[in-house]
């Protein structure tokens, strides 16, 4: 792993840079440090924003100085975080693929030289690491999409993509948490709300969690959607280890 850099980012933020590449090991280290900071309840820390290979920490300079924050972070990143496997959460996200729910799945299949069923099987065959959240509230940047189904974005983005749409954009896959414009190729839709401002915890997922897409038929999709609307549905969450 490359040398870690700790630098000021304005008058109330500090940035920890762990390298310049998208790598599960680097991201896992960031996730572990975030959890350590949560466990330690470090005084003055306002927010922590993990990214692919960096961690931005916002703090209140009236409570803690930059010098103290720097020393605390320097000590934290030098802790030996190696050891036994780290327990993780894997959220199983039901997806209805194809048809009106995934109008671009034919394009994805044609680009890959596969059938639509093969595309679904590949897409739903692995756990995807959530590297970071951004772009929209609850939007997850996932790693690990099989190269066989990498698909270029649309030449002309859609003005509106419905919340819950699951798509592929280049080498990434993900879920649109809100209605928004977008250029990803849509392959399916989930009834699960990854972002719900009415929920106690509006954002369902966190960086460091994993997602496994679970294919469901239209009938099951509608059944789950009704439960979601009544606040009676909870995703299956299983433990994993990395």
C-alpha atoms as a PDB file:
ATOM      1  CA  UNK A   1       0.000   0.000   0.000  1.00  0.00           C
ATOM      2  CA  UNK A   2       1.265   3.483  -0.848  1.00  0.00           C
ATOM      3  CA  UNK A   3       2.242   6.049   1.757  1.00  0.00           C
ATOM      4  CA  UNK A   4      -0.720   7.678   3.450  1.00  0.00           C
ATOM      5  CA  UNK A   5      -0.950  11.465   3.235  1.00  0.00           C
ATOM      6  CA  UNK A   6      -2.797  13.671   5.710  1.00  0.00           C
ATOM      7  CA  UNK A   7      -3.454  17.225   4.547  1.00  0.00           C
ATOM      8  CA  UNK A   8      -5.632  20.191   5.471  1.00  0.00           C
ATOM      9  CA  UNK A   9      -8.735  20.690   3.301  1.00  0.00           C
ATOM     10  CA  UNK A  10      -9.920  24.164   4.232  1.00  0.00           C
ATOM     11  CA  UNK A  11     -10.159  25.539   7.745  1.00  0.00           C
ATOM     12  CA  UNK A  12     -12.361  22.794   9.190  1.00  0.00           C
ATOM     13  CA  UNK A  13     -11.561  19.628   7.252  1.00  0.00           C
ATOM     14  CA  UNK A  14      -8.727  17.173   7.010  1.00  0.00           C
ATOM     15  CA  UNK A  15      -8.152  14.794   4.099  1.00  0.00           C
ATOM     16  CA  UNK A  16      -6.484  11.399   4.419  1.00  0.00           C
ATOM     17  CA  UNK A  17      -5.238  10.044   1.083  1.00  0.00           C
ATOM     18  CA  UNK A  18      -4.546   6.317   0.905  1.00  0.00           C
ATOM     19  CA  UNK A  19      -3.288   6.184  -2.666  1.00  0.00           C
ATOM     20  CA  UNK A  20      -4.697   6.909  -6.101  1.00  0.00           C
ATOM     21  CA  UNK A  21      -6.241   3.651  -7.246  1.00  0.00           C
ATOM     22  CA  UNK A  22      -9.566   1.900  -6.771  1.00  0.00           C
ATOM     23  CA  UNK A  23      -8.642  -1.124  -4.712  1.00  0.00           C
ATOM     24  CA  UNK A  24     -10.697  -3.257  -2.266  1.00  0.00           C
ATOM     25  CA  UNK A  25      -7.816  -3.422   0.224  1.00  0.00           C
ATOM     26  CA  UNK A  26      -7.480   0.375   0.340  1.00  0.00           C
ATOM     27  CA  UNK A  27     -11.225   0.832   0.617  1.00  0.00           C
ATOM     28  CA  UNK A  28     -11.390  -1.776   3.366  1.00  0.00           C
ATOM     29  CA  UNK A  29      -8.776   0.140   5.334  1.00  0.00           C
ATOM     30  CA  UNK A  30     -10.815   3.329   4.976  1.00  0.00           C
ATOM     31  CA  UNK A  31     -13.964   1.554   6.165  1.00  0.00           C
ATOM     32  CA  UNK A  32     -12.119   0.144   9.183  1.00  0.00           C
ATOM     33  CA  UNK A  33     -10.778   3.569  10.157  1.00  0.00           C
ATOM     34  CA  UNK A  34     -14.259   5.090   9.879  1.00  0.00           C
ATOM     35  CA  UNK A  35     -15.570   2.415  12.227  1.00  0.00           C
ATOM     36  CA  UNK A  36     -12.701   2.977  14.664  1.00  0.00           C
ATOM     37  CA  UNK A  37     -13.486   6.699  14.712  1.00  0.00           C
ATOM     38  CA  UNK A  38     -17.161   5.975  15.354  1.00  0.00           C
ATOM     39  CA  UNK A  39     -16.236   3.642  18.205  1.00  0.00           C
ATOM     40  CA  UNK A  40     -13.909   6.210  19.754  1.00  0.00           C
ATOM     41  CA  UNK A  41     -16.387   9.112  19.493  1.00  0.00           C
ATOM     42  CA  UNK A  42     -13.581  11.533  18.688  1.00  0.00           C
ATOM     43  CA  UNK A  43     -14.416  14.953  20.080  1.00  0.00           C
ATOM     44  CA  UNK A  44     -15.036  17.664  17.511  1.00  0.00           C
ATOM     45  CA  UNK A  45     -15.618  15.380  14.518  1.00  0.00           C
ATOM     46  CA  UNK A  46     -18.718  16.520  12.641  1.00  0.00           C
ATOM     47  CA  UNK A  47     -18.773  14.179   9.649  1.00  0.00           C
ATOM     48  CA  UNK A  48     -16.731  11.549   7.824  1.00  0.00           C
ATOM     49  CA  UNK A  49     -16.977  11.151   4.053  1.00  0.00           C
ATOM     50  CA  UNK A  50     -15.244   8.078   2.613  1.00  0.00           C
ATOM     51  CA  UNK A  51     -14.403   7.940  -1.096  1.00  0.00           C
ATOM     52  CA  UNK A  52     -12.682   5.368  -3.329  1.00  0.00           C
ATOM     53  CA  UNK A  53      -9.223   5.963  -1.860  1.00  0.00           C
ATOM     54  CA  UNK A  54      -9.550   8.871   0.564  1.00  0.00           C
ATOM     55  CA  UNK A  55     -11.375   9.946   3.693  1.00  0.00           C
ATOM     56  CA  UNK A  56     -12.522  13.516   4.321  1.00  0.00           C
ATOM     57  CA  UNK A  57     -13.114  14.429   7.949  1.00  0.00           C
ATOM     58  CA  UNK A  58     -15.036  17.566   8.837  1.00  0.00           C
ATOM     59  CA  UNK A  59     -14.444  18.889  12.341  1.00  0.00           C
ATOM     60  CA  UNK A  60     -15.412  21.854  14.490  1.00  0.00           C
ATOM     61  CA  UNK A  61     -12.298  24.052  14.932  1.00  0.00           C
ATOM     62  CA  UNK A  62     -13.906  25.641  17.994  1.00  0.00           C
ATOM     63  CA  UNK A  63     -13.663  22.279  19.735  1.00  0.00           C
ATOM     64  CA  UNK A  64     -10.497  20.749  18.303  1.00  0.00           C
ATOM     65  CA  UNK A  65      -7.572  22.319  16.489  1.00  0.00           C
ATOM     66  CA  UNK A  66      -6.087  21.129  13.215  1.00  0.00           C
ATOM     67  CA  UNK A  67      -2.860  20.206  15.012  1.00  0.00           C
ATOM     68  CA  UNK A  68      -4.700  17.924  17.443  1.00  0.00           C
ATOM     69  CA  UNK A  69      -6.761  16.390  14.665  1.00  0.00           C
ATOM     70  CA  UNK A  70      -3.630  15.783  12.596  1.00  0.00           C
ATOM     71  CA  UNK A  71      -1.879  14.027  15.480  1.00  0.00           C
ATOM     72  CA  UNK A  72      -4.956  11.934  16.233  1.00  0.00           C
ATOM     73  CA  UNK A  73      -5.354  10.886  12.607  1.00  0.00           C
ATOM     74  CA  UNK A  74      -1.629  10.170  12.266  1.00  0.00           C
ATOM     75  CA  UNK A  75      -1.815   7.788  15.206  1.00  0.00           C
ATOM     76  CA  UNK A  76      -5.008   6.184  13.910  1.00  0.00           C
ATOM     77  CA  UNK A  77      -3.764   5.399  10.403  1.00  0.00           C
ATOM     78  CA  UNK A  78      -0.568   3.905  11.826  1.00  0.00           C
ATOM     79  CA  UNK A  79      -2.479   1.299  13.823  1.00  0.00           C
ATOM     80  CA  UNK A  80      -1.839  -2.197  12.504  1.00  0.00           C
ATOM     81  CA  UNK A  81      -5.238  -3.107  11.085  1.00  0.00           C
ATOM     82  CA  UNK A  82      -4.182  -6.504   9.815  1.00  0.00           C
ATOM     83  CA  UNK A  83      -5.396  -9.665  11.418  1.00  0.00           C
ATOM     84  CA  UNK A  84      -8.429 -11.900  11.182  1.00  0.00           C
ATOM     85  CA  UNK A  85     -11.136 -11.523   8.586  1.00  0.00           C
ATOM     86  CA  UNK A  86     -13.405  -8.516   8.921  1.00  0.00           C
ATOM     87  CA  UNK A  87     -17.133  -9.167   9.236  1.00  0.00           C
ATOM     88  CA  UNK A  88     -19.261  -7.398   6.673  1.00  0.00           C
ATOM     89  CA  UNK A  89     -22.941  -6.898   5.914  1.00  0.00           C
ATOM     90  CA  UNK A  90     -24.333  -8.151   2.614  1.00  0.00           C
ATOM     91  CA  UNK A  91     -27.715  -6.656   1.658  1.00  0.00           C
ATOM     92  CA  UNK A  92     -29.804  -8.810  -0.662  1.00  0.00           C
ATOM     93  CA  UNK A  93     -31.582  -6.455  -3.080  1.00  0.00           C
ATOM     94  CA  UNK A  94     -34.468  -7.957  -5.113  1.00  0.00           C
ATOM     95  CA  UNK A  95     -34.494  -6.920  -8.776  1.00  0.00           C
ATOM     96  CA  UNK A  96     -37.022  -7.522 -11.536  1.00  0.00           C
ATOM     97  CA  UNK A  97     -34.891  -7.683 -14.686  1.00  0.00           C
ATOM     98  CA  UNK A  98     -35.878  -6.829 -18.255  1.00  0.00           C
ATOM     99  CA  UNK A  99     -39.181  -5.818 -19.845  1.00  0.00           C
ATOM    100  CA  UNK A 100     -40.567  -2.470 -18.769  1.00  0.00           C
ATOM    101  CA  UNK A 101     -38.366  -2.644 -15.666  1.00  0.00           C
ATOM    102  CA  UNK A 102     -35.118  -2.929 -17.629  1.00  0.00           C
ATOM    103  CA  UNK A 103     -35.602  -1.533 -21.131  1.00  0.00           C
ATOM    104  CA  UNK A 104     -31.886  -1.646 -22.020  1.00  0.00           C
ATOM    105  CA  UNK A 105     -31.120  -5.222 -21.046  1.00  0.00           C
ATOM    106  CA  UNK A 106     -31.286  -6.227 -24.721  1.00  0.00           C
ATOM    107  CA  UNK A 107     -28.626  -3.641 -25.541  1.00  0.00           C
ATOM    108  CA  UNK A 108     -26.420  -4.898 -22.717  1.00  0.00           C
ATOM    109  CA  UNK A 109     -26.809  -8.481 -23.911  1.00  0.00           C
ATOM    110  CA  UNK A 110     -26.100  -7.603 -27.536  1.00  0.00           C
ATOM    111  CA  UNK A 111     -22.993  -5.614 -26.585  1.00  0.00           C
ATOM    112  CA  UNK A 112     -21.722  -8.571 -24.540  1.00  0.00           C
ATOM    113  CA  UNK A 113     -22.645 -11.196 -27.123  1.00  0.00           C
ATOM    114  CA  UNK A 114     -24.796 -12.964 -24.528  1.00  0.00           C
ATOM    115  CA  UNK A 115     -28.444 -13.768 -23.940  1.00  0.00           C
ATOM    116  CA  UNK A 116     -30.487 -11.665 -21.537  1.00  0.00           C
ATOM    117  CA  UNK A 117     -30.703 -14.612 -19.133  1.00  0.00           C
ATOM    118  CA  UNK A 118     -26.914 -14.911 -19.163  1.00  0.00           C
ATOM    119  CA  UNK A 119     -26.576 -11.203 -18.403  1.00  0.00           C
ATOM    120  CA  UNK A 120     -28.933 -11.557 -15.420  1.00  0.00           C
ATOM    121  CA  UNK A 121     -27.053 -14.613 -14.167  1.00  0.00           C
ATOM    122  CA  UNK A 122     -23.709 -12.819 -14.372  1.00  0.00           C
ATOM    123  CA  UNK A 123     -25.007  -9.604 -12.784  1.00  0.00           C
ATOM    124  CA  UNK A 124     -26.591 -11.423  -9.852  1.00  0.00           C
ATOM    125  CA  UNK A 125     -23.758 -13.897  -9.242  1.00  0.00           C
ATOM    126  CA  UNK A 126     -21.509 -11.866  -6.936  1.00  0.00           C
ATOM    127  CA  UNK A 127     -21.408  -9.515  -3.952  1.00  0.00           C
ATOM    128  CA  UNK A 128     -20.604  -5.909  -4.847  1.00  0.00           C
ATOM    129  CA  UNK A 129     -18.531  -3.781  -2.486  1.00  0.00           C
ATOM    130  CA  UNK A 130     -19.916  -0.302  -1.809  1.00  0.00           C
ATOM    131  CA  UNK A 131     -16.827   1.871  -2.196  1.00  0.00           C
ATOM    132  CA  UNK A 132     -18.550   5.183  -1.483  1.00  0.00           C
ATOM    133  CA  UNK A 133     -21.826   7.101  -1.569  1.00  0.00           C
ATOM    134  CA  UNK A 134     -22.373  10.200  -3.676  1.00  0.00           C
ATOM    135  CA  UNK A 135     -23.933  11.875  -6.722  1.00  0.00           C
ATOM    136  CA  UNK A 136     -27.381  11.513  -5.116  1.00  0.00           C
ATOM    137  CA  UNK A 137     -28.369  10.682  -1.504  1.00  0.00           C
ATOM    138  CA  UNK A 138     -27.973   6.934  -1.127  1.00  0.00           C
ATOM    139  CA  UNK A 139     -26.337   6.396  -4.528  1.00  0.00           C
ATOM    140  CA  UNK A 140     -23.792   3.590  -4.150  1.00  0.00           C
ATOM    141  CA  UNK A 141     -20.603   3.342  -6.165  1.00  0.00           C
ATOM    142  CA  UNK A 142     -20.107  -0.394  -6.477  1.00  0.00           C
ATOM    143  CA  UNK A 143     -17.013  -2.342  -7.379  1.00  0.00           C
ATOM    144  CA  UNK A 144     -16.674  -5.747  -8.984  1.00  0.00           C
ATOM    145  CA  UNK A 145     -18.853  -5.694 -12.109  1.00  0.00           C
ATOM    146  CA  UNK A 146     -17.911  -8.599 -14.369  1.00  0.00           C
ATOM    147  CA  UNK A 147     -15.986  -7.297 -17.405  1.00  0.00           C
ATOM    148  CA  UNK A 148     -18.163  -9.357 -19.729  1.00  0.00           C
ATOM    149  CA  UNK A 149     -21.121  -7.025 -19.153  1.00  0.00           C
ATOM    150  CA  UNK A 150     -19.338  -3.670 -19.099  1.00  0.00           C
ATOM    151  CA  UNK A 151     -21.518  -1.480 -21.324  1.00  0.00           C
ATOM    152  CA  UNK A 152     -21.038   2.134 -22.494  1.00  0.00           C
ATOM    153  CA  UNK A 153     -23.427   4.760 -21.183  1.00  0.00           C
ATOM    154  CA  UNK A 154     -26.232   6.012 -23.388  1.00  0.00           C
ATOM    155  CA  UNK A 155     -25.158   8.475 -26.083  1.00  0.00           C
ATOM    156  CA  UNK A 156     -28.160  10.626 -25.115  1.00  0.00           C
ATOM    157  CA  UNK A 157     -28.971  10.456 -21.387  1.00  0.00           C
ATOM    158  CA  UNK A 158     -32.572  10.165 -20.285  1.00  0.00           C
ATOM    159  CA  UNK A 159     -34.234  13.227 -18.771  1.00  0.00           C
ATOM    160  CA  UNK A 160     -35.749  11.060 -16.044  1.00  0.00           C
ATOM    161  CA  UNK A 161     -34.811   7.680 -14.628  1.00  0.00           C
ATOM    162  CA  UNK A 162     -37.157   6.328 -11.976  1.00  0.00           C
ATOM    163  CA  UNK A 163     -35.991   5.666  -8.423  1.00  0.00           C
ATOM    164  CA  UNK A 164     -35.100   2.023  -7.951  1.00  0.00           C
ATOM    165  CA  UNK A 165     -33.752   1.567 -11.473  1.00  0.00           C
ATOM    166  CA  UNK A 166     -30.738  -0.747 -11.671  1.00  0.00           C
ATOM    167  CA  UNK A 167     -28.303  -0.063 -14.455  1.00  0.00           C
ATOM    168  CA  UNK A 168     -24.839  -0.320 -15.911  1.00  0.00           C
ATOM    169  CA  UNK A 169     -22.657   2.613 -16.855  1.00  0.00           C
ATOM    170  CA  UNK A 170     -19.323   1.579 -18.311  1.00  0.00           C
ATOM    171  CA  UNK A 171     -17.566  -0.579 -15.724  1.00  0.00           C
ATOM    172  CA  UNK A 172     -19.988   0.213 -12.894  1.00  0.00           C
ATOM    173  CA  UNK A 173     -23.415  -0.931 -11.810  1.00  0.00           C
ATOM    174  CA  UNK A 174     -25.761   0.597  -9.276  1.00  0.00           C
ATOM    175  CA  UNK A 175     -29.209   1.696  -8.158  1.00  0.00           C
ATOM    176  CA  UNK A 176     -30.778   5.101  -8.738  1.00  0.00           C
ATOM    177  CA  UNK A 177     -32.102   6.151  -5.299  1.00  0.00           C
ATOM    178  CA  UNK A 178     -34.204   9.053  -6.623  1.00  0.00           C
ATOM    179  CA  UNK A 179     -35.904  10.092  -9.852  1.00  0.00           C
ATOM    180  CA  UNK A 180     -33.167  11.852 -11.795  1.00  0.00           C
ATOM    181  CA  UNK A 181     -31.596  12.340 -15.214  1.00  0.00           C
ATOM    182  CA  UNK A 182     -29.046   9.709 -16.116  1.00  0.00           C
ATOM    183  CA  UNK A 183     -27.163   7.933 -18.858  1.00  0.00           C
ATOM    184  CA  UNK A 184     -26.827   4.384 -17.558  1.00  0.00           C
ATOM    185  CA  UNK A 185     -28.209   1.379 -19.415  1.00  0.00           C
ATOM    186  CA  UNK A 186     -31.229   0.179 -17.434  1.00  0.00           C
ATOM    187  CA  UNK A 187     -31.467  -3.566 -16.848  1.00  0.00           C
ATOM    188  CA  UNK A 188     -33.992  -3.855 -14.024  1.00  0.00           C
ATOM    189  CA  UNK A 189     -35.678  -2.262 -11.050  1.00  0.00           C
ATOM    190  CA  UNK A 190     -35.816  -2.881  -7.316  1.00  0.00           C
ATOM    191  CA  UNK A 191     -38.774  -2.017  -5.075  1.00  0.00           C
ATOM    192  CA  UNK A 192     -36.372  -1.363  -2.204  1.00  0.00           C
ATOM    193  CA  UNK A 193     -35.832   2.289  -1.285  1.00  0.00           C
ATOM    194  CA  UNK A 194     -32.123   2.840  -0.795  1.00  0.00           C
ATOM    195  CA  UNK A 195     -33.008   6.414   0.187  1.00  0.00           C
ATOM    196  CA  UNK A 196     -36.160   7.380   2.090  1.00  0.00           C
ATOM    197  CA  UNK A 197     -36.273  10.780   3.845  1.00  0.00           C
ATOM    198  CA  UNK A 198     -39.157   9.529   6.011  1.00  0.00           C
ATOM    199  CA  UNK A 199     -37.116   6.677   7.429  1.00  0.00           C
ATOM    200  CA  UNK A 200     -35.228   6.983  10.720  1.00  0.00           C
ATOM    201  CA  UNK A 201     -32.022   6.221   8.836  1.00  0.00           C
ATOM    202  CA  UNK A 202     -32.789   7.722   5.400  1.00  0.00           C
ATOM    203  CA  UNK A 203     -29.839   6.029   3.673  1.00  0.00           C
ATOM    204  CA  UNK A 204     -30.111   2.248   3.818  1.00  0.00           C
ATOM    205  CA  UNK A 205     -26.521   1.371   2.931  1.00  0.00           C
ATOM    206  CA  UNK A 206     -23.040   2.459   3.966  1.00  0.00           C
ATOM    207  CA  UNK A 207     -19.616   2.414   2.376  1.00  0.00           C
ATOM    208  CA  UNK A 208     -18.010  -0.910   3.223  1.00  0.00           C
ATOM    209  CA  UNK A 209     -21.277  -2.852   2.993  1.00  0.00           C
ATOM    210  CA  UNK A 210     -21.952  -5.223   0.113  1.00  0.00           C
ATOM    211  CA  UNK A 211     -24.921  -5.702  -2.222  1.00  0.00           C
ATOM    212  CA  UNK A 212     -26.111  -8.940  -3.823  1.00  0.00           C
ATOM    213  CA  UNK A 213     -28.790  -8.518  -6.494  1.00  0.00           C
ATOM    214  CA  UNK A 214     -31.498 -11.181  -6.266  1.00  0.00           C
ATOM    215  CA  UNK A 215     -33.603 -11.802  -9.420  1.00  0.00           C
ATOM    216  CA  UNK A 216     -37.373 -11.833  -8.803  1.00  0.00           C
ATOM    217  CA  UNK A 217     -40.330 -12.075 -11.173  1.00  0.00           C
ATOM    218  CA  UNK A 218     -42.898  -9.320 -11.648  1.00  0.00           C
ATOM    219  CA  UNK A 219     -45.334 -10.835  -9.170  1.00  0.00           C
ATOM    220  CA  UNK A 220     -42.728 -10.932  -6.411  1.00  0.00           C
ATOM    221  CA  UNK A 221     -41.593  -7.424  -7.313  1.00  0.00           C
ATOM    222  CA  UNK A 222     -45.129  -6.095  -6.842  1.00  0.00           C
ATOM    223  CA  UNK A 223     -45.599  -8.016  -3.590  1.00  0.00           C
ATOM    224  CA  UNK A 224     -42.393  -6.558  -2.129  1.00  0.00           C
ATOM    225  CA  UNK A 225     -43.276  -3.084  -3.398  1.00  0.00           C
ATOM    226  CA  UNK A 226     -46.566  -3.187  -1.486  1.00  0.00           C
ATOM    227  CA  UNK A 227     -44.719  -4.199   1.676  1.00  0.00           C
ATOM    228  CA  UNK A 228     -42.206  -1.391   1.150  1.00  0.00           C
ATOM    229  CA  UNK A 229     -45.005   1.160   0.808  1.00  0.00           C
ATOM    230  CA  UNK A 230     -46.475  -0.077   4.107  1.00  0.00           C
ATOM    231  CA  UNK A 231     -43.047   0.048   5.774  1.00  0.00           C
ATOM    232  CA  UNK A 232     -43.284  -3.692   6.377  1.00  0.00           C
ATOM    233  CA  UNK A 233     -40.326  -4.880   4.322  1.00  0.00           C
ATOM    234  CA  UNK A 234     -36.755  -5.392   5.448  1.00  0.00           C
ATOM    235  CA  UNK A 235     -33.970  -6.559   3.189  1.00  0.00           C
ATOM    236  CA  UNK A 236     -32.330  -9.826   4.018  1.00  0.00           C
ATOM    237  CA  UNK A 237     -28.921  -9.006   5.461  1.00  0.00           C
ATOM    238  CA  UNK A 238     -26.346 -11.735   5.853  1.00  0.00           C
ATOM    239  CA  UNK A 239     -22.846 -11.716   7.207  1.00  0.00           C
ATOM    240  CA  UNK A 240     -19.837 -11.983   4.982  1.00  0.00           C
ATOM    241  CA  UNK A 241     -16.122 -11.971   5.659  1.00  0.00           C
ATOM    242  CA  UNK A 242     -13.266 -10.309   3.808  1.00  0.00           C
END
